[in-house]
Amino acid sequence: MIQHKTVSLADQVFERMETDILSGKYQRGEILTESKLSAELGVSRTPIREALRRLEQEHIIEETGKGSLVLGITERDLEDIFLIRKNIECIAAAFAAERRSKEQLESLRETLELQEFYLEKHDAEQIKQMDNRFHYMIYQLCGSTAFYDTLVPLHKKIQKYRRISVESGSRATQSVKEHRSIFEAIAAGDSAAASKATLEHIENAHTHIKKKGKQ
C-alpha cells in the first residue's frame, strides 16, 4: 500500500507504477485498469488517473479505451538509450571532473565505498541502490540541469536490464571496479580519463546485457 508522506500522493503513485512497469512487474502487452490499480495500491482512482496520464507522456504505456497497455522498453529502445548514454554521459563525467566541489567528491567517494561494501556482502538490492546513487551524483556534479534531466529518466528506464547486471556476481564486481576508475579520474580532475572510463563502463554494461538477452 502507498504510504502517505510529504511527497504528494500523485507523485508516490506515479513513482510506484513507473518502477513496477520498468522493473518488469507489469509485462509488455498487459492491460492495466484504474480499478485494478486502485485496489492494488490502496488509493482512490484520482491519483491513479494522474499517474497513468504521466506514464503515457513517458511513452511507457498507451491508452486503448479498455485500459492502459503496457509498452515498457523494447530492444530498440534499449539500443537507443545506450547510444544516447555513450554520447552524453561521457560528457557529464568530464564536466564532473572539472566542476565537482570537495564536498561533492567526498559524497561520491562514500557512495562508491558503500557499493564496494555491499558487493562483499552480496547484497544485490543495496548494490543496485548505490549504483543508482553513484550515477545520479555524477549527473549532479556535472553542474548541468539539462544533462541531469536527460540522463536520470534514461537510467530509470533500463532498470530491469540493469538488475541483470547486479544479479551477476562477475559483472557486479567488474562494474564496481569501473566505478572506482571513474571516481579516481573525477577526483584527479582528469576530464579525458573520466570520459574514457565512463564510456568503457557503459559499453561493458551494454555488452553484458546483450549477451544475457541471447541466453
Protein backbone atom coordinates (compact mmCIF):
# COMPACT_ATOMS: atom_id res chain seq x y z
CA MET A 1 0.00 0.00 0.00
CA ILE A 2 1.16 3.52 -0.75
CA GLN A 3 2.42 5.42 2.30
CA HIS A 4 1.11 8.97 2.75
CA LYS A 5 4.25 11.09 3.16
CA THR A 6 5.28 14.68 2.44
CA VAL A 7 5.63 13.84 -1.26
CA SER A 8 2.22 14.19 -2.89
CA LEU A 9 0.12 11.07 -3.21
CA ALA A 10 0.01 11.50 -7.00
CA ASP A 11 3.82 11.56 -7.13
CA GLN A 12 4.07 8.46 -4.93
CA VAL A 13 1.63 6.58 -7.14
CA PHE A 14 3.46 7.65 -10.28
CA GLU A 15 6.86 6.58 -8.92
CA ARG A 16 5.49 3.23 -7.72
CA MET A 17 3.79 2.47 -11.04
CA GLU A 18 6.79 3.63 -13.06
CA THR A 19 9.05 1.33 -11.05
CA ASP A 20 6.64 -1.61 -11.37
CA ILE A 21 6.49 -1.20 -15.15
CA LEU A 22 10.19 -0.59 -15.74
CA SER A 23 11.27 -3.36 -13.37
CA GLY A 24 9.15 -5.86 -15.30
CA LYS A 25 6.44 -6.48 -12.70
CA TYR A 26 3.90 -5.48 -15.34
CA GLN A 27 4.83 -7.14 -18.60
CA ARG A 28 4.72 -5.63 -22.06
CA GLY A 29 1.25 -6.19 -23.53
CA GLU A 30 -0.51 -6.30 -20.14
CA ILE A 31 -3.60 -4.13 -19.68
CA LEU A 32 -3.82 -2.00 -16.55
CA THR A 33 -7.15 -0.59 -15.39
CA GLU A 34 -7.87 2.14 -12.87
CA SER A 35 -9.97 -0.22 -10.74
CA LYS A 36 -7.25 -2.88 -10.62
CA LEU A 37 -4.54 -0.38 -9.73
CA SER A 38 -6.73 1.38 -7.17
CA ALA A 39 -7.35 -1.91 -5.36
CA GLU A 40 -3.70 -2.97 -5.58
CA LEU A 41 -2.24 0.30 -4.31
CA GLY A 42 -5.00 1.14 -1.85
CA VAL A 43 -5.68 4.63 -3.19
CA SER A 44 -8.56 6.32 -5.00
CA ARG A 45 -8.77 6.48 -8.77
CA THR A 46 -7.85 10.18 -8.92
CA PRO A 47 -4.08 9.78 -8.28
CA ILE A 48 -4.14 6.60 -10.40
CA ARG A 49 -5.60 8.57 -13.31
CA GLU A 50 -2.97 11.29 -12.94
CA ALA A 51 -0.17 8.72 -12.80
CA LEU A 52 -1.45 6.96 -15.93
CA ARG A 53 -1.53 10.29 -17.76
CA ARG A 54 2.09 10.98 -16.84
CA LEU A 55 3.17 7.45 -17.75
CA GLU A 56 1.56 7.86 -21.15
CA GLN A 57 3.57 11.05 -21.63
CA GLU A 58 6.67 8.99 -20.83
CA HIS A 59 5.64 6.58 -23.63
CA ILE A 60 5.77 3.50 -21.41
CA ILE A 61 2.00 2.90 -21.54
CA GLU A 62 -0.66 3.60 -24.15
CA GLU A 63 -4.39 4.22 -23.62
CA THR A 64 -6.55 1.73 -25.51
CA GLY A 65 -10.07 2.66 -24.38
CA LYS A 66 -10.24 -0.60 -22.42
CA GLY A 67 -7.35 0.24 -20.14
CA SER A 68 -3.69 1.19 -20.37
CA LEU A 69 -1.46 -1.06 -22.48
CA VAL A 70 2.00 -1.61 -21.02
CA LEU A 71 4.66 -0.78 -23.60
CA GLY A 72 7.68 -0.89 -21.34
CA ILE A 73 11.09 -0.72 -23.00
CA THR A 74 11.69 -2.55 -26.28
CA GLU A 75 15.02 -3.87 -27.55
CA ARG A 76 15.16 -0.93 -29.95
CA ASP A 77 14.53 1.46 -27.06
CA LEU A 78 17.37 -0.21 -25.16
CA GLU A 79 19.78 0.23 -28.08
CA ASP A 80 18.81 3.88 -28.46
CA ILE A 81 19.15 4.57 -24.74
CA PHE A 82 22.66 3.12 -24.63
CA LEU A 83 23.62 5.09 -27.74
CA ILE A 84 22.47 8.31 -26.07
CA ARG A 85 24.22 7.44 -22.82
CA LYS A 86 27.50 6.69 -24.62
CA ASN A 87 27.44 10.14 -26.15
CA ILE A 88 26.07 12.24 -23.29
CA GLU A 89 27.10 10.55 -20.05
CA CYS A 90 30.77 10.70 -21.00
CA ILE A 91 30.48 14.47 -21.32
CA ALA A 92 28.72 14.64 -17.94
CA ALA A 93 31.60 12.71 -16.34
CA ALA A 94 34.14 15.05 -17.96
CA PHE A 95 32.26 18.07 -16.64
CA ALA A 96 32.08 16.45 -13.19
CA ALA A 97 35.86 16.13 -13.15
CA GLU A 98 36.17 19.84 -13.92
CA ARG A 99 33.39 21.21 -11.74
CA ARG A 100 32.96 18.99 -8.66
CA SER A 101 33.45 20.53 -5.24
CA LYS A 102 35.41 18.90 -2.42
CA GLU A 103 32.18 18.12 -0.58
CA GLN A 104 30.60 16.54 -3.65
CA LEU A 105 33.68 14.43 -4.23
CA GLU A 106 33.55 13.12 -0.67
CA SER A 107 29.88 12.19 -1.10
CA LEU A 108 30.72 10.35 -4.32
CA ARG A 109 33.56 8.53 -2.53
CA GLU A 110 31.21 7.48 0.27
CA THR A 111 28.68 6.12 -2.23
CA LEU A 112 31.37 4.12 -4.02
CA GLU A 113 32.71 2.70 -0.76
CA LEU A 114 29.19 1.67 0.25
CA GLN A 115 28.76 -0.09 -3.07
CA GLU A 116 32.06 -1.92 -2.51
CA PHE A 117 30.89 -2.87 0.99
CA TYR A 118 27.58 -4.28 -0.25
CA LEU A 119 29.40 -6.12 -3.02
CA GLU A 120 31.35 -8.02 -0.38
CA LYS A 121 28.07 -8.78 1.39
CA HIS A 122 26.47 -9.95 -1.90
CA ASP A 123 23.54 -7.62 -1.23
CA ALA A 124 22.14 -7.14 -4.73
CA GLU A 125 19.41 -4.68 -3.74
CA GLN A 126 21.82 -2.35 -1.95
CA ILE A 127 24.37 -2.66 -4.76
CA LYS A 128 21.67 -1.50 -7.16
CA GLN A 129 20.69 1.39 -4.90
CA MET A 130 24.31 2.55 -4.61
CA ASP A 131 24.76 2.13 -8.35
CA ASN A 132 21.80 4.45 -8.92
CA ARG A 133 23.16 6.97 -6.43
CA PHE A 134 26.65 6.90 -7.98
CA HIS A 135 25.35 7.71 -11.46
CA TYR A 136 22.85 10.31 -10.27
CA MET A 137 25.55 12.06 -8.27
CA ILE A 138 27.76 12.33 -11.35
CA TYR A 139 24.82 13.86 -13.21
CA GLN A 140 24.60 16.40 -10.39
CA LEU A 141 28.36 17.00 -10.21
CA CYS A 142 28.46 17.91 -13.89
CA GLY A 143 26.63 21.10 -12.97
CA SER A 144 24.04 20.98 -15.73
CA THR A 145 20.30 20.72 -15.12
CA ALA A 146 19.81 19.78 -18.78
CA PHE A 147 22.20 16.84 -18.51
CA TYR A 148 20.62 15.71 -15.22
CA ASP A 149 17.07 15.92 -16.57
CA THR A 150 18.09 13.96 -19.67
CA LEU A 151 20.14 11.21 -18.04
CA VAL A 152 18.11 10.35 -14.93
CA PRO A 153 14.98 9.23 -16.84
CA LEU A 154 17.12 7.18 -19.24
CA HIS A 155 18.86 5.48 -16.33
CA LYS A 156 15.49 4.67 -14.75
CA LYS A 157 14.10 3.21 -17.96
CA ILE A 158 16.66 0.42 -18.14
CA GLN A 159 16.39 -0.68 -14.51
CA LYS A 160 15.02 -4.11 -15.46
CA TYR A 161 18.11 -4.74 -17.58
CA ARG A 162 20.48 -3.23 -15.03
CA ARG A 163 19.14 -5.68 -12.45
CA ILE A 164 20.54 -8.47 -14.63
CA SER A 165 24.00 -6.97 -14.21
CA VAL A 166 23.63 -6.53 -10.46
CA GLU A 167 22.49 -10.12 -10.02
CA SER A 168 25.51 -11.40 -11.97
CA GLY A 169 28.36 -11.69 -9.48
CA SER A 170 31.14 -11.30 -12.03
CA ARG A 171 29.52 -8.31 -13.76
CA ALA A 172 28.67 -6.64 -10.45
CA THR A 173 32.31 -6.97 -9.38
CA GLN A 174 33.58 -5.56 -12.66
CA SER A 175 31.02 -2.75 -12.60
CA VAL A 176 32.19 -1.59 -9.17
CA LYS A 177 35.80 -1.64 -10.38
CA GLU A 178 34.75 0.51 -13.31
CA HIS A 179 33.05 2.91 -10.92
CA ARG A 180 36.32 3.11 -9.00
CA SER A 181 38.14 4.09 -12.20
CA ILE A 182 35.54 6.77 -12.96
CA PHE A 183 35.78 8.12 -9.42
CA GLU A 184 39.58 8.28 -9.47
CA ALA A 185 39.53 10.19 -12.76
CA ILE A 186 36.98 12.67 -11.39
CA ALA A 187 38.97 13.01 -8.15
CA ALA A 188 42.10 13.76 -10.18
CA GLY A 189 40.25 16.38 -12.19
CA ASP A 190 41.11 14.46 -15.37
CA SER A 191 38.15 15.06 -17.68
CA ALA A 192 39.54 12.95 -20.55
CA ALA A 193 40.13 9.95 -18.28
CA ALA A 194 36.69 10.37 -16.69
CA SER A 195 35.06 10.38 -20.11
CA LYS A 196 37.04 7.33 -21.27
CA ALA A 197 36.32 5.34 -18.10
CA THR A 198 32.62 6.17 -18.35
CA LEU A 199 32.46 5.08 -21.98
CA GLU A 200 34.12 1.76 -21.14
CA HIS A 201 31.68 1.25 -18.26
CA ILE A 202 28.61 1.89 -20.42
CA GLU A 203 29.90 -0.26 -23.30
CA ASN A 204 30.67 -3.16 -20.96
CA ALA A 205 27.23 -2.91 -19.36
CA HIS A 206 25.58 -2.87 -22.79
CA THR A 207 27.59 -5.88 -23.96
CA HIS A 208 26.71 -7.85 -20.83
CA ILE A 209 23.00 -7.11 -21.18
CA LYS A 210 23.00 -8.15 -24.85
CA LYS A 211 24.77 -11.43 -24.04
CA LYS A 212 22.30 -12.19 -21.26
CA GLY A 213 19.41 -11.42 -23.59
CA LYS A 214 20.58 -14.10 -26.01
CA GLN A 215 20.85 -16.81 -23.37
